[in-house]
Protein backbone atom coordinates (compact mmCIF):
# COMPACT_ATOMS: atom_id res chain seq x y z
CA MET A 1 7.86 18.73 17.44
CA SER A 2 6.37 15.48 16.17
CA VAL A 3 2.87 14.54 15.08
CA THR A 4 1.64 10.97 14.68
CA LEU A 5 -0.30 10.05 11.56
CA THR A 6 -2.19 6.81 11.11
CA ALA A 7 -1.37 4.43 8.28
CA ALA A 8 -4.30 5.82 6.37
CA ASP A 9 -2.51 9.19 6.24
CA PRO A 10 -0.09 9.54 4.21
CA VAL A 11 33.33 -1.57 2.77
CA ARG A 12 30.33 0.60 5.32
CA ILE A 13 28.96 4.07 5.74
CA ARG A 14 29.11 6.11 8.94
CA PRO A 15 27.85 9.63 9.70
CA LEU A 16 31.09 11.57 9.35
CA VAL A 17 32.40 9.28 6.61
CA PHE A 18 29.18 9.91 4.70
CA ALA A 19 29.25 13.62 5.52
CA ALA A 20 32.90 13.98 4.52
CA GLY A 21 32.20 12.18 1.27
CA VAL A 22 29.34 14.54 0.58
CA SER A 23 31.55 17.49 1.56
CA ALA A 24 34.09 16.54 -1.08
CA LEU A 25 31.38 16.94 -3.72
CA LEU A 26 29.98 20.25 -2.47
CA PHE A 27 32.28 22.66 -4.28
CA PHE A 28 29.78 23.02 -7.11
CA ALA A 29 26.70 22.65 -4.94
CA PRO A 30 23.82 24.92 -5.96
CA VAL A 31 22.55 27.56 -3.57
CA VAL A 32 18.81 27.53 -3.04
CA THR A 33 17.42 30.87 -4.13
CA GLN A 34 14.77 32.32 -1.88
CA GLY A 35 12.18 35.03 -2.37
CA GLU A 36 11.48 37.82 0.06
CA GLU A 37 9.03 35.62 1.94
CA PRO A 38 10.27 32.03 1.73
CA THR A 39 7.60 29.54 2.72
CA GLN A 40 8.70 26.08 1.64
CA LEU A 41 11.98 24.85 0.18
CA ILE A 42 11.51 21.37 -1.24
CA ILE A 43 14.49 19.05 -0.78
CA GLY A 44 12.86 15.67 -1.41
CA ASN A 45 9.84 15.79 -3.71
CA PHE A 46 9.09 12.09 -3.47
CA SER A 47 5.33 12.58 -3.77
CA GLY A 48 6.07 14.12 -7.17
CA GLY A 49 8.09 11.07 -8.19
CA GLU A 50 11.35 13.06 -8.22
CA LEU A 51 14.56 11.25 -7.30
CA ALA A 52 17.00 12.26 -10.06
CA SER A 53 18.53 15.14 -8.07
CA TRP A 54 19.66 12.77 -5.30
CA GLU A 55 23.03 11.05 -5.56
CA GLU A 56 23.82 7.60 -4.18
CA LYS A 57 26.81 6.56 -2.10
CA LYS A 58 27.40 2.80 -1.79
CA PHE A 59 29.46 1.28 0.97
CA SER A 60 28.63 -2.20 2.29
CA GLY A 61 26.12 -3.78 -0.04
CA GLN A 62 23.32 -1.65 -1.42
CA THR A 63 20.11 -0.46 0.16
CA ILE A 64 17.43 -0.34 -2.53
CA TYR A 65 15.79 3.08 -2.83
CA GLN A 66 12.87 3.63 -5.18
CA ILE A 67 9.71 5.69 -5.52
CA THR A 68 6.66 3.61 -4.68
CA GLU A 69 3.03 4.13 -3.72
CA LEU A 70 1.88 3.50 -0.16
CA ASP A 71 -1.37 4.52 1.51
CA GLY A 72 -2.39 6.33 -1.68
CA GLN A 73 0.74 8.50 -1.75
CA ARG A 74 4.04 8.28 -3.63
CA VAL A 75 6.93 7.93 -1.17
CA LEU A 76 10.55 6.80 -1.12
CA SER A 77 10.95 3.14 -0.23
CA ALA A 78 14.19 1.92 1.41
CA GLN A 79 14.88 -1.82 1.62
CA ALA A 80 18.04 -2.92 3.43
CA GLN A 81 19.34 -6.48 3.81
CA ASN A 82 22.70 -6.49 5.60
CA SER A 83 23.54 -3.39 3.58
CA ALA A 84 24.60 0.24 3.94
CA SER A 85 24.18 2.83 1.22
CA GLY A 86 22.64 6.26 1.29
CA LEU A 87 21.29 9.12 -0.79
CA PHE A 88 22.37 12.74 -0.54
CA LYS A 89 21.38 16.04 -2.09
CA LYS A 90 23.79 18.95 -2.35
CA THR A 91 22.09 22.27 -1.67
CA GLN A 92 22.86 25.19 0.62
CA ILE A 93 20.13 26.20 3.05
CA ASP A 94 20.15 29.50 4.95
CA LEU A 95 18.87 28.55 8.39
CA LEU A 96 18.18 32.16 9.31
CA ASP A 97 15.50 32.19 6.61
CA THR A 98 14.20 28.61 6.80
CA PRO A 99 15.36 26.87 9.99
CA TYR A 100 12.66 24.20 10.21
CA LEU A 101 13.26 20.80 8.64
CA ASN A 102 10.03 18.91 7.91
CA TRP A 103 9.70 15.28 6.88
CA SER A 104 7.71 12.10 7.42
CA TRP A 105 8.86 8.51 7.78
CA ARG A 106 7.59 5.04 8.55
CA ILE A 107 9.20 1.71 9.38
CA ASP A 108 7.69 -1.73 8.88
CA ASN A 109 9.89 -3.39 11.50
CA HIS A 110 12.01 -2.42 14.48
CA LEU A 111 15.65 -3.42 14.54
CA ALA A 112 16.67 -5.50 17.54
CA PRO A 113 17.86 -3.23 20.38
CA LEU A 114 21.43 -2.18 19.59
CA ASP A 115 24.16 -0.42 21.51
CA GLU A 116 24.07 2.63 19.25
CA LYS A 117 27.05 4.21 20.99
CA SER A 118 29.23 1.38 19.71
CA LYS A 119 30.46 0.70 16.18
CA ALA A 120 28.67 -2.64 16.19
CA GLY A 121 25.35 -0.91 16.88
CA ASP A 122 25.48 1.91 14.34
CA ASP A 123 22.46 0.74 12.29
CA TYR A 124 19.12 2.51 11.82
CA SER A 125 15.86 1.74 10.04
CA VAL A 126 15.73 5.40 9.03
CA ARG A 127 18.07 8.34 9.49
CA LEU A 128 18.23 11.85 8.09
CA TYR A 129 21.41 13.96 8.06
CA VAL A 130 22.10 17.67 7.77
CA VAL A 131 25.70 18.35 6.73
CA ILE A 132 27.89 21.40 7.31
CA ASP A 133 30.65 21.46 4.69
CA GLY A 134 34.24 21.55 5.86
CA GLY A 135 35.47 22.57 2.41
CA LEU A 136 39.04 21.56 1.64
CA TYR A 137 39.47 20.80 5.34
CA PHE A 138 37.26 17.72 5.29
CA TRP A 139 37.95 16.98 8.94
CA ARG A 140 35.99 20.14 9.76
CA THR A 141 32.87 18.69 8.16
CA ARG A 142 30.13 18.25 10.73
CA SER A 143 26.79 16.52 10.67
CA LEU A 144 23.70 16.10 12.79
CA THR A 145 21.74 12.93 12.21
CA TYR A 146 18.10 12.53 13.19
CA VAL A 147 17.40 8.84 13.76
CA TRP A 148 14.74 6.32 14.70
CA SER A 149 16.52 4.64 17.59
CA SER A 150 16.30 0.95 18.45
CA GLN A 151 16.53 1.96 22.12
CA PRO A 152 13.58 3.17 24.24
CA GLU A 153 14.84 6.67 25.05
CA GLN A 154 13.52 9.49 22.84
CA ASP A 155 15.28 12.88 22.42
CA LYS A 156 18.61 11.30 23.42
CA ILE A 157 21.77 12.89 21.97
CA TRP A 158 25.08 11.05 21.62
CA VAL A 159 28.41 11.04 19.82
CA ASN A 160 28.76 8.71 16.88
CA ALA A 161 31.13 5.84 17.67
CA TYR A 162 32.92 6.03 14.33
CA ALA A 163 33.31 9.75 13.85
CA GLY A 164 33.52 11.46 17.23
CA ARG A 165 32.02 14.81 18.12
CA ASN A 166 31.84 16.12 14.58
CA ALA A 167 29.01 13.67 13.94
CA MET A 168 26.20 13.86 16.48
CA MET A 169 23.09 11.72 16.72
CA LEU A 170 19.62 12.68 17.95
CA ALA A 171 16.82 10.17 18.56
CA VAL A 172 13.61 11.65 17.17
CA ARG A 173 11.82 8.30 17.35
CA ALA A 174 12.50 5.27 19.54
CA GLN A 175 11.71 1.60 20.06
CA GLY A 176 8.32 2.33 21.61
CA ASP A 177 6.95 4.11 18.55
CA ASN A 178 4.63 2.13 16.32
CA THR A 179 5.63 0.32 13.17
CA LYS A 180 3.57 0.68 9.97
CA THR A 181 2.58 4.17 11.11
CA TRP A 182 3.50 7.46 9.47
CA TYR A 183 5.10 10.06 11.74
CA TRP A 184 5.39 13.69 10.70
CA GLU A 185 8.48 15.44 12.11
CA LYS A 186 9.49 19.09 12.42
CA ARG A 187 12.84 20.19 13.84
CA ASP A 188 14.38 23.62 14.32
CA VAL A 189 17.77 22.78 12.82
CA PHE A 190 19.32 26.15 13.70
CA LYS A 191 18.40 25.61 17.36
CA ASP A 192 19.47 21.96 17.37
CA LEU A 193 22.89 22.80 15.90
CA LYS A 194 23.42 25.58 18.44
CA THR A 195 22.44 23.28 21.32
CA ILE A 196 24.66 20.43 20.15
CA PHE A 197 27.71 22.22 18.70
CA GLY A 198 27.58 25.32 20.90
CA GLU A 199 27.58 27.88 18.11
CA GLU A 200 25.22 29.54 15.68
CA ILE A 201 25.57 27.83 12.29
CA ARG A 202 23.82 29.74 9.53
CA TYR A 203 24.23 27.39 6.56
CA ILE A 204 23.95 23.69 5.92
CA ASP A 205 25.28 22.38 2.64
CA ALA A 206 23.60 19.02 2.08
CA VAL A 207 20.84 16.73 3.27
CA ALA A 208 21.26 12.96 3.26
CA LEU A 209 19.26 9.91 4.25
CA MET A 210 20.13 6.31 4.91
CA THR A 211 18.59 2.99 5.92
CA ASP A 212 21.37 0.60 6.97
CA THR A 213 21.65 -2.82 8.61
CA ASP A 214 25.20 -3.95 7.81
CA ASP A 215 26.58 -3.95 11.36
CA SER A 216 23.72 -5.99 12.80
CA ASN A 217 23.36 -8.22 9.73
CA GLY A 218 19.69 -7.30 9.80
CA GLN A 219 16.81 -6.32 7.56
CA ALA A 220 14.80 -3.11 7.39
CA SER A 221 11.83 -2.03 5.31
CA SER A 222 11.25 1.71 5.61
CA TYR A 223 9.74 4.72 3.87
CA TYR A 224 10.44 8.45 3.62
CA GLY A 225 7.90 11.13 2.76
CA ASP A 226 8.67 14.57 1.33
CA ILE A 227 11.50 16.58 2.89
CA TYR A 228 11.43 20.38 2.99
CA PHE A 229 12.46 23.46 4.97
CA THR A 230 10.11 26.20 6.20
CA ALA A 231 10.40 29.57 7.90
CA GLU A 232 8.12 28.55 10.76
């Protein structure tokens, strides 16, 4: 489910490569503790100015991530110039308790239409990953990436060109959606994973985000609002 908000409201990285890199660091990942009635599990508290718990992974160049103020609200700014680097947070989420991933994002410019099923077109103004840890067997690491597609088709699902079926892509937003407009998103991750991977996956082990333009030699100016999980 997606809700539109007006502007007045508040060497390269690839999905499985990123996810596998995160997986290698998950052995000591904290488990989110939940009460009897979990309501909101904060992953990205950008409105609170918190960024220290996120780790950075640099690949081709460096996307600049920083807390900034926009439309009267503190958010995470991502500025990419022919670059690819991302942020990730290691934390285990029980999707039976809190299956819904909530976030907001905004882009200032669309990327030129790219063939996103090809390696040359694997760039996105904004993308948000959920990662299932493969443990010592890193090739078992899987990820689902919610993206703002440069193509016109929304809700499209496809296999990432670099990583194969362990890294799946889902277009939450598309070329026809407005720039300089905040969009509030809510996805049932448990349901999405079951639909895409064909099995019930109870836990995810990390959340990551990335704004990248290295394949298209482009530029992107984007923003992420708070990220959190809810029970409903």
